[in-house]
Amino acid sequence: MPNGGYVAENGISLCASCHEKAEAFHRGDPVPPGFAPAELYALVDSSAEDARAASERLGD
């Protein structure tokens, strides 16, 4: 994220085990079902585009 991902549009609370599953995407590992970025963003009614735009606004 341009100014960090510390925006509501990029936020979801996960337990340690689920956080590891979500991080698989960034490691280039196979992502377990339900843990792809688009799936997680959908759970919080957001998207990568929304999160990026919100992060960019932090710099204003």
PDB file of N, CA and C in Angstrom:
ATOM      1  N   MET A   1       0.837  -1.176   0.000  1.00  0.00           N
ATOM      2  CA  MET A   1       0.000   0.000   0.000  1.00  0.00           C
ATOM      3  C   MET A   1       0.890   1.250   0.000  1.00  0.00           C
ATOM      4  N   PRO A   2       0.474   2.291  -0.733  1.00  0.00           N
ATOM      5  CA  PRO A   2       1.310   3.482  -0.884  1.00  0.00           C
ATOM      6  C   PRO A   2       1.722   4.139   0.435  1.00  0.00           C
ATOM      7  N   ASN A   3       0.803   4.279   1.366  1.00  0.00           N
ATOM      8  CA  ASN A   3       1.094   4.922   2.654  1.00  0.00           C
ATOM      9  C   ASN A   3       0.837   3.966   3.812  1.00  0.00           C
ATOM     10  N   GLY A   4       1.069   2.710   3.576  1.00  0.00           N
ATOM     11  CA  GLY A   4       0.797   1.680   4.582  1.00  0.00           C
ATOM     12  C   GLY A   4      -0.606   1.137   4.395  1.00  0.00           C
ATOM     13  N   GLY A   5      -0.830  -0.041   4.889  1.00  0.00           N
ATOM     14  CA  GLY A   5      -2.136  -0.673   4.743  1.00  0.00           C
ATOM     15  C   GLY A   5      -3.032  -0.468   5.937  1.00  0.00           C
ATOM     16  N   TYR A   6      -2.732   0.560   6.727  1.00  0.00           N
ATOM     17  CA  TYR A   6      -3.465   0.764   7.968  1.00  0.00           C
ATOM     18  C   TYR A   6      -4.722   1.580   7.751  1.00  0.00           C
ATOM     19  N   VAL A   7      -5.605   1.033   6.932  1.00  0.00           N
ATOM     20  CA  VAL A   7      -6.892   1.655   6.643  1.00  0.00           C
ATOM     21  C   VAL A   7      -7.969   0.587   6.801  1.00  0.00           C
ATOM     22  N   ALA A   8      -9.160   1.026   7.140  1.00  0.00           N
ATOM     23  CA  ALA A   8     -10.259   0.079   7.377  1.00  0.00           C
ATOM     24  C   ALA A   8     -10.518  -0.806   6.165  1.00  0.00           C
ATOM     25  N   GLU A   9     -10.342  -0.256   4.977  1.00  0.00           N
ATOM     26  CA  GLU A   9     -10.605  -1.005   3.748  1.00  0.00           C
ATOM     27  C   GLU A   9      -9.629  -2.157   3.539  1.00  0.00           C
ATOM     28  N   ASN A  10      -8.552  -2.180   4.304  1.00  0.00           N
ATOM     29  CA  ASN A  10      -7.551  -3.244   4.197  1.00  0.00           C
ATOM     30  C   ASN A  10      -7.526  -4.110   5.455  1.00  0.00           C
ATOM     31  N   GLY A  11      -8.534  -3.954   6.311  1.00  0.00           N
ATOM     32  CA  GLY A  11      -8.473  -4.617   7.605  1.00  0.00           C
ATOM     33  C   GLY A  11      -9.399  -5.798   7.773  1.00  0.00           C
ATOM     34  N   ILE A  12      -8.843  -6.833   8.369  1.00  0.00           N
ATOM     35  CA  ILE A  12      -9.634  -7.999   8.770  1.00  0.00           C
ATOM     36  C   ILE A  12      -8.897  -8.637   9.943  1.00  0.00           C
ATOM     37  N   SER A  13      -9.620  -9.075  10.931  1.00  0.00           N
ATOM     38  CA  SER A  13      -9.009  -9.739  12.083  1.00  0.00           C
ATOM     39  C   SER A  13      -8.961 -11.238  11.827  1.00  0.00           C
ATOM     40  N   LEU A  14      -7.769 -11.798  11.984  1.00  0.00           N
ATOM     41  CA  LEU A  14      -7.585 -13.235  11.782  1.00  0.00           C
ATOM     42  C   LEU A  14      -6.800 -13.815  12.946  1.00  0.00           C
ATOM     43  N   CYS A  15      -7.092 -15.037  13.314  1.00  0.00           N
ATOM     44  CA  CYS A  15      -6.273 -15.726  14.305  1.00  0.00           C
ATOM     45  C   CYS A  15      -4.927 -16.040  13.649  1.00  0.00           C
ATOM     46  N   ALA A  16      -3.959 -16.435  14.445  1.00  0.00           N
ATOM     47  CA  ALA A  16      -2.611 -16.685  13.925  1.00  0.00           C
ATOM     48  C   ALA A  16      -2.608 -17.734  12.820  1.00  0.00           C
ATOM     49  N   SER A  17      -3.367 -18.791  12.988  1.00  0.00           N
ATOM     50  CA  SER A  17      -3.420 -19.855  11.990  1.00  0.00           C
ATOM     51  C   SER A  17      -4.007 -19.353  10.673  1.00  0.00           C
ATOM     52  N   CYS A  18      -5.086 -18.600  10.752  1.00  0.00           N
ATOM     53  CA  CYS A  18      -5.706 -18.063   9.538  1.00  0.00           C
ATOM     54  C   CYS A  18      -4.833 -16.981   8.904  1.00  0.00           C
ATOM     55  N   HIS A  19      -4.128 -16.222   9.713  1.00  0.00           N
ATOM     56  CA  HIS A  19      -3.214 -15.212   9.176  1.00  0.00           C
ATOM     57  C   HIS A  19      -2.137 -15.881   8.326  1.00  0.00           C
ATOM     58  N   GLU A  20      -1.611 -16.990   8.791  1.00  0.00           N
ATOM     59  CA  GLU A  20      -0.614 -17.732   8.010  1.00  0.00           C
ATOM     60  C   GLU A  20      -1.198 -18.198   6.679  1.00  0.00           C
ATOM     61  N   LYS A  21      -2.442 -18.641   6.696  1.00  0.00           N
ATOM     62  CA  LYS A  21      -3.087 -19.074   5.457  1.00  0.00           C
ATOM     63  C   LYS A  21      -3.236 -17.900   4.496  1.00  0.00           C
ATOM     64  N   ALA A  22      -3.609 -16.734   5.011  1.00  0.00           N
ATOM     65  CA  ALA A  22      -3.765 -15.551   4.170  1.00  0.00           C
ATOM     66  C   ALA A  22      -2.421 -15.088   3.613  1.00  0.00           C
ATOM     67  N   GLU A  23      -1.357 -15.240   4.372  1.00  0.00           N
ATOM     68  CA  GLU A  23      -0.027 -14.807   3.932  1.00  0.00           C
ATOM     69  C   GLU A  23       0.559 -15.713   2.851  1.00  0.00           C
ATOM     70  N   ALA A  24      -0.028 -16.884   2.632  1.00  0.00           N
ATOM     71  CA  ALA A  24       0.465 -17.796   1.598  1.00  0.00           C
ATOM     72  C   ALA A  24       0.541 -17.087   0.250  1.00  0.00           C
ATOM     73  N   PHE A  25      -0.422 -16.228  -0.036  1.00  0.00           N
ATOM     74  CA  PHE A  25      -0.440 -15.485  -1.297  1.00  0.00           C
ATOM     75  C   PHE A  25       0.843 -14.686  -1.478  1.00  0.00           C
ATOM     76  N   HIS A  26       1.270 -13.993  -0.429  1.00  0.00           N
ATOM     77  CA  HIS A  26       2.462 -13.137  -0.512  1.00  0.00           C
ATOM     78  C   HIS A  26       3.750 -13.945  -0.582  1.00  0.00           C
ATOM     79  N   ARG A  27       3.714 -15.148  -0.082  1.00  0.00           N
ATOM     80  CA  ARG A  27       4.896 -16.016  -0.146  1.00  0.00           C
ATOM     81  C   ARG A  27       4.991 -16.743  -1.482  1.00  0.00           C
ATOM     82  N   GLY A  28       3.918 -16.691  -2.260  1.00  0.00           N
ATOM     83  CA  GLY A  28       3.890 -17.419  -3.526  1.00  0.00           C
ATOM     84  C   GLY A  28       3.514 -18.878  -3.359  1.00  0.00           C
ATOM     85  N   ASP A  29       2.998 -19.225  -2.182  1.00  0.00           N
ATOM     86  CA  ASP A  29       2.564 -20.587  -1.903  1.00  0.00           C
ATOM     87  C   ASP A  29       1.110 -20.768  -2.356  1.00  0.00           C
ATOM     88  N   PRO A  30       0.665 -22.014  -2.488  1.00  0.00           N
ATOM     89  CA  PRO A  30      -0.755 -22.236  -2.798  1.00  0.00           C
ATOM     90  C   PRO A  30      -1.626 -21.630  -1.694  1.00  0.00           C
ATOM     91  N   VAL A  31      -2.675 -20.951  -2.095  1.00  0.00           N
ATOM     92  CA  VAL A  31      -3.565 -20.285  -1.142  1.00  0.00           C
ATOM     93  C   VAL A  31      -4.749 -21.198  -0.846  1.00  0.00           C
ATOM     94  N   PRO A  32      -4.981 -21.491   0.437  1.00  0.00           N
ATOM     95  CA  PRO A  32      -6.126 -22.335   0.782  1.00  0.00           C
ATOM     96  C   PRO A  32      -7.449 -21.675   0.370  1.00  0.00           C
ATOM     97  N   PRO A  33      -8.447 -22.467   0.043  1.00  0.00           N
ATOM     98  CA  PRO A  33      -9.754 -21.902  -0.317  1.00  0.00           C
ATOM     99  C   PRO A  33     -10.259 -20.944   0.762  1.00  0.00           C
ATOM    100  N   GLY A  34     -10.760 -19.807   0.322  1.00  0.00           N
ATOM    101  CA  GLY A  34     -11.301 -18.809   1.244  1.00  0.00           C
ATOM    102  C   GLY A  34     -10.286 -17.791   1.713  1.00  0.00           C
ATOM    103  N   PHE A  35      -9.021 -17.965   1.351  1.00  0.00           N
ATOM    104  CA  PHE A  35      -7.981 -17.079   1.864  1.00  0.00           C
ATOM    105  C   PHE A  35      -7.279 -16.263   0.784  1.00  0.00           C
ATOM    106  N   ALA A  36      -7.776 -16.294  -0.443  1.00  0.00           N
ATOM    107  CA  ALA A  36      -7.229 -15.434  -1.491  1.00  0.00           C
ATOM    108  C   ALA A  36      -7.582 -13.985  -1.147  1.00  0.00           C
ATOM    109  N   PRO A  37      -6.746 -13.041  -1.527  1.00  0.00           N
ATOM    110  CA  PRO A  37      -7.030 -11.641  -1.189  1.00  0.00           C
ATOM    111  C   PRO A  37      -8.440 -11.189  -1.566  1.00  0.00           C
ATOM    112  N   ALA A  38      -8.897 -11.498  -2.757  1.00  0.00           N
ATOM    113  CA  ALA A  38     -10.238 -11.061  -3.165  1.00  0.00           C
ATOM    114  C   ALA A  38     -11.319 -11.645  -2.259  1.00  0.00           C
ATOM    115  N   GLU A  39     -11.127 -12.886  -1.817  1.00  0.00           N
ATOM    116  CA  GLU A  39     -12.112 -13.519  -0.923  1.00  0.00           C
ATOM    117  C   GLU A  39     -12.127 -12.840   0.440  1.00  0.00           C
ATOM    118  N   LEU A  40     -10.949 -12.496   0.949  1.00  0.00           N
ATOM    119  CA  LEU A  40     -10.878 -11.828   2.251  1.00  0.00           C
ATOM    120  C   LEU A  40     -11.430 -10.411   2.169  1.00  0.00           C
ATOM    121  N   TYR A  41     -11.090  -9.683   1.094  1.00  0.00           N
ATOM    122  CA  TYR A  41     -11.653  -8.336   0.922  1.00  0.00           C
ATOM    123  C   TYR A  41     -13.173  -8.398   0.857  1.00  0.00           C
ATOM    124  N   ALA A  42     -13.720  -9.407   0.186  1.00  0.00           N
ATOM    125  CA  ALA A  42     -15.172  -9.527   0.077  1.00  0.00           C
ATOM    126  C   ALA A  42     -15.827  -9.676   1.449  1.00  0.00           C
ATOM    127  N   LEU A  43     -15.140 -10.320   2.375  1.00  0.00           N
ATOM    128  CA  LEU A  43     -15.686 -10.497   3.727  1.00  0.00           C
ATOM    129  C   LEU A  43     -15.859  -9.175   4.462  1.00  0.00           C
ATOM    130  N   VAL A  44     -15.056  -8.182   4.104  1.00  0.00           N
ATOM    131  CA  VAL A  44     -15.153  -6.867   4.760  1.00  0.00           C
ATOM    132  C   VAL A  44     -15.725  -5.821   3.799  1.00  0.00           C
ATOM    133  N   ASP A  45     -16.404  -6.297   2.742  1.00  0.00           N
ATOM    134  CA  ASP A  45     -17.048  -5.425   1.758  1.00  0.00           C
ATOM    135  C   ASP A  45     -16.074  -4.392   1.205  1.00  0.00           C
ATOM    136  N   SER A  46     -14.904  -4.873   0.769  1.00  0.00           N
ATOM    137  CA  SER A  46     -13.867  -4.003   0.234  1.00  0.00           C
ATOM    138  C   SER A  46     -13.226  -4.679  -0.972  1.00  0.00           C
ATOM    139  N   SER A  47     -12.142  -4.097  -1.452  1.00  0.00           N
ATOM    140  CA  SER A  47     -11.375  -4.665  -2.553  1.00  0.00           C
ATOM    141  C   SER A  47      -9.957  -4.122  -2.459  1.00  0.00           C
ATOM    142  N   ALA A  48      -9.050  -4.719  -3.206  1.00  0.00           N
ATOM    143  CA  ALA A  48      -7.677  -4.214  -3.222  1.00  0.00           C
ATOM    144  C   ALA A  48      -7.661  -2.778  -3.741  1.00  0.00           C
ATOM    145  N   GLU A  49      -8.504  -2.489  -4.712  1.00  0.00           N
ATOM    146  CA  GLU A  49      -8.574  -1.134  -5.260  1.00  0.00           C
ATOM    147  C   GLU A  49      -9.059  -0.141  -4.217  1.00  0.00           C
ATOM    148  N   ASP A  50     -10.094  -0.511  -3.454  1.00  0.00           N
ATOM    149  CA  ASP A  50     -10.602   0.363  -2.395  1.00  0.00           C
ATOM    150  C   ASP A  50      -9.534   0.607  -1.333  1.00  0.00           C
ATOM    151  N   ALA A  51      -8.829  -0.458  -0.960  1.00  0.00           N
ATOM    152  CA  ALA A  51      -7.788  -0.343   0.063  1.00  0.00           C
ATOM    153  C   ALA A  51      -6.655   0.550  -0.425  1.00  0.00           C
ATOM    154  N   ARG A  52      -6.243   0.378  -1.673  1.00  0.00           N
ATOM    155  CA  ARG A  52      -5.164   1.208  -2.232  1.00  0.00           C
ATOM    156  C   ARG A  52      -5.585   2.678  -2.273  1.00  0.00           C
ATOM    157  N   ALA A  53      -6.798   2.946  -2.702  1.00  0.00           N
ATOM    158  CA  ALA A  53      -7.287   4.326  -2.765  1.00  0.00           C
ATOM    159  C   ALA A  53      -7.329   4.953  -1.372  1.00  0.00           C
ATOM    160  N   ALA A  54      -7.786   4.203  -0.395  1.00  0.00           N
ATOM    161  CA  ALA A  54      -7.834   4.725   0.979  1.00  0.00           C
ATOM    162  C   ALA A  54      -6.421   4.989   1.489  1.00  0.00           C
ATOM    163  N   SER A  55      -5.498   4.126   1.177  1.00  0.00           N
ATOM    164  CA  SER A  55      -4.111   4.312   1.604  1.00  0.00           C
ATOM    165  C   SER A  55      -3.508   5.545   0.931  1.00  0.00           C
ATOM    166  N   GLU A  56      -3.819   5.746  -0.332  1.00  0.00           N
ATOM    167  CA  GLU A  56      -3.317   6.929  -1.033  1.00  0.00           C
ATOM    168  C   GLU A  56      -3.837   8.212  -0.403  1.00  0.00           C
ATOM    169  N   ARG A  57      -5.091   8.191   0.081  1.00  0.00           N
ATOM    170  CA  ARG A  57      -5.664   9.382   0.724  1.00  0.00           C
ATOM    171  C   ARG A  57      -4.949   9.739   2.011  1.00  0.00           C
ATOM    172  N   LEU A  58      -4.275   8.777   2.640  1.00  0.00           N
ATOM    173  CA  LEU A  58      -3.522   9.077   3.868  1.00  0.00           C
ATOM    174  C   LEU A  58      -2.413  10.099   3.604  1.00  0.00           C
ATOM    175  N   GLY A  59      -1.914  10.134   2.385  1.00  0.00           N
ATOM    176  CA  GLY A  59      -0.845  11.055   2.040  1.00  0.00           C
ATOM    177  C   GLY A  59      -1.321  12.463   1.747  1.00  0.00           C
ATOM    178  N   ASP A  60      -2.647  12.666   1.672  1.00  0.00           N
ATOM    179  CA  ASP A  60      -3.185  14.011   1.369  1.00  0.00           C
ATOM    180  C   ASP A  60      -3.035  14.965   2.524  1.00  0.00           C
TER     181      ASP A  60
END
